[in-house]
Amino acid sequence: MSKHIVVDPITRIEGHLRIEAIIDDNNTIVDAYSSSTMFRGIEEILRGRDPRDCGLLAMRICGVCTGTHYQRSIEAVEHAFGITIPKNARIVRNLIQGSLYVHDHVVHFYHLHALDWVDITKALEADPKKTVDEAFKWAKVAGVNPWVADAAKFGEVQERLKKFVKQGRLGPFAKAYWGNPHYKLTPEQNLLAVTHYLQALDLQRDAAKMMAVFGGKQPHPQSIVVGGVTCVQDIKNPARIGLFKDLLMNFRKFIKQAYLPDIYMAGTMYADEALDGTGGGLKSFLSYGDFRLDDTGFYNSALLFPSGVVLNGDLSRVYEFDQNKVTEDVTHAWYEGDKPLHPFDGETIPKYTGFGKKEGGIAYLNTKEKYSWIKSPIYDDHRVEVGPLARMVVGVAKGDKRISEYVTRFLKNGNLPTKVLFSTVGRTAARAIETELMADIMVEWTDELAKNVASGDLSTWTEFDFDKVSKDAQGYGLAEAPRGALGHWVKIKDGKVANYQTVVPSTWNAGPRDYKDRMGAYEASLIGTKVANPEEPLEILRTIHSFDPCIACAVHLIDTKGRELGVYKVDTSCAI
């Protein structure tokens, strides 16, 4: 008899996400539904505002990827006004955004996702001396020396864990599915990963400092304005550029000597799931492209991550991206609307219809009707996945030399076939590959900035006549947030915002079924997943976390009348 399980809330994410799954007699997921159960909004707040202020408001869409919303909003206005920013501003924006990437990806793997692969309790059974052997083994696969290979250090971490357990102070390690048979690392591998987990807590602060060097502060940078950047004194001061590079080099060392080896270790131990395609999902991918490498202006520049669309896992063909083909459907979302709309014409009119049946004290989603506050983005009538895996797949399919080199080297070192990319393991590995690539090119960008400033170019802002360019304009800021394709669309009339819409990465990935009843990326990725114990849906968490959900980004609506729409009581007994 099939089982209908509910995981709500999905923890270790940003925002509020619910997953319902139908599991058959073989404990295999045969149907799944993704729902955002809370809502908030920015777009309506932006109507009537000065478009030059939108960036500072739009960054509040998210509490994590603030800088990327900030930059996209500023760039949407710049695109509407036809502004090309100076070289220094372009490089600084790349460095701020790059800092967000390496920070976000490392924090995601160790502090949000690792506990889906790592059984903390097994680390207590490890031999610290044998853990040294594991550290060398996986560092060798990555072609580096290990970040830490000290039995005393591993023993110290193990003792620290024992004290946590003895005192009952498990903190973020509490209420997990420890001992689940689908954990596959050895005790020594678990201890190695836990050691890196704790060290990453300290090191991630350096990545935050990097953003603050040029952004003014973190997580909400302040130095990006329509036309350029304001961190003039930081750009002119060689010591500030030197500080940024010092922080980057140390963080880059951790990425290469700890993060990459840990991914090789997990990829090898969970290779069976990678090879059978567990979590593969849609296998259709979209990238807007991002990180301009020259100064030829919006959507003309060479890009670090190329734009494009790959459908059905076919790497032999790439479709050029066209923003006119982006639409959002609300058939199964709690909004008014009867057809997919382009973001320039998008609407956010709430139509909350509630949940469906109630059984055993549980209210279930009404999946035949509307069941989420997230809309369903569609590209050229295709459902697609966005994110690091999409960027790597599109890059390889387009023959991008740099991306192909990093992806090929990872697969070769791990002795893995290309098909493993289309899995939960592959999605997690793609984020690590991208992190190494980003850390490397950020060194080049830092040197490029220093060289350009030393040549005497101190320009940071492009002048424009606001009254002239803001009479009747529209534009879009399309780029790649760490989680995937992010777009801000703005219409401006008589110097004020007439309409504003965002389509964010987690909207693409977490959206419910569309008007053709086609699944979104989260939903499709769960189909066929084998669950060891339906009472402990570890496998659902593992796959959903591999997308790095950011649900607060994905919904953007407020009740302007302040009405209470519901009361929610979170049962923490099911949280981990």
Foldseek 3Di string as FASTA:
>chain_A
DKDWDKFWALPLFAATKIKIFIADPQQFTAFMWIFHDDFAAQFVVQFFAQLQCSLLRQLVLFQQLSLVSSVFSLVQVLQFLVFFADPLQLLLSLQLQLLSLLLVLLCLCQPRFVVLQAQLVLLLVDQLQVLLVLLQVLLVLLPHHAPDRDSVLLVVVSVVVVVCVVVVPCDVNPLAPHPQPPHFDHNSLNSLSVSLSVVSVVLSVLSQVLSCLQQVHPPNGDFATNFFGNSLVSLLDVVSLVSSVVSLVVSLCCLSNRVLSNLLRSCVRCVVQLVVLQLLFFLKFWAPFDRFDDRPDPPPGDGPQATWIDGPVDLQDTHHDDLVQKWWFQFQAQADDDDTDRQVPDDGHGHDDDFDDDDPNDTHHPQVGHGYLFIEMAGNNHQHAWALLRSLSNCVSVVPPLSVVLVVSSCVSSVHDPSSLSHLSNLSSSSSSVSSSSSVVSSVSSVVSNVVVVVPDSGGGDDDDQQVSQAWTKGKRWHARNLGIKMKIFTGHRSGTNGIDIAGNLSSASHQAGPVRDGGSLGRSSGRDRASDSVNRSVSSNSVSSSSHNVSSRHHDDDPVPDDDDDDDDDCSSYD
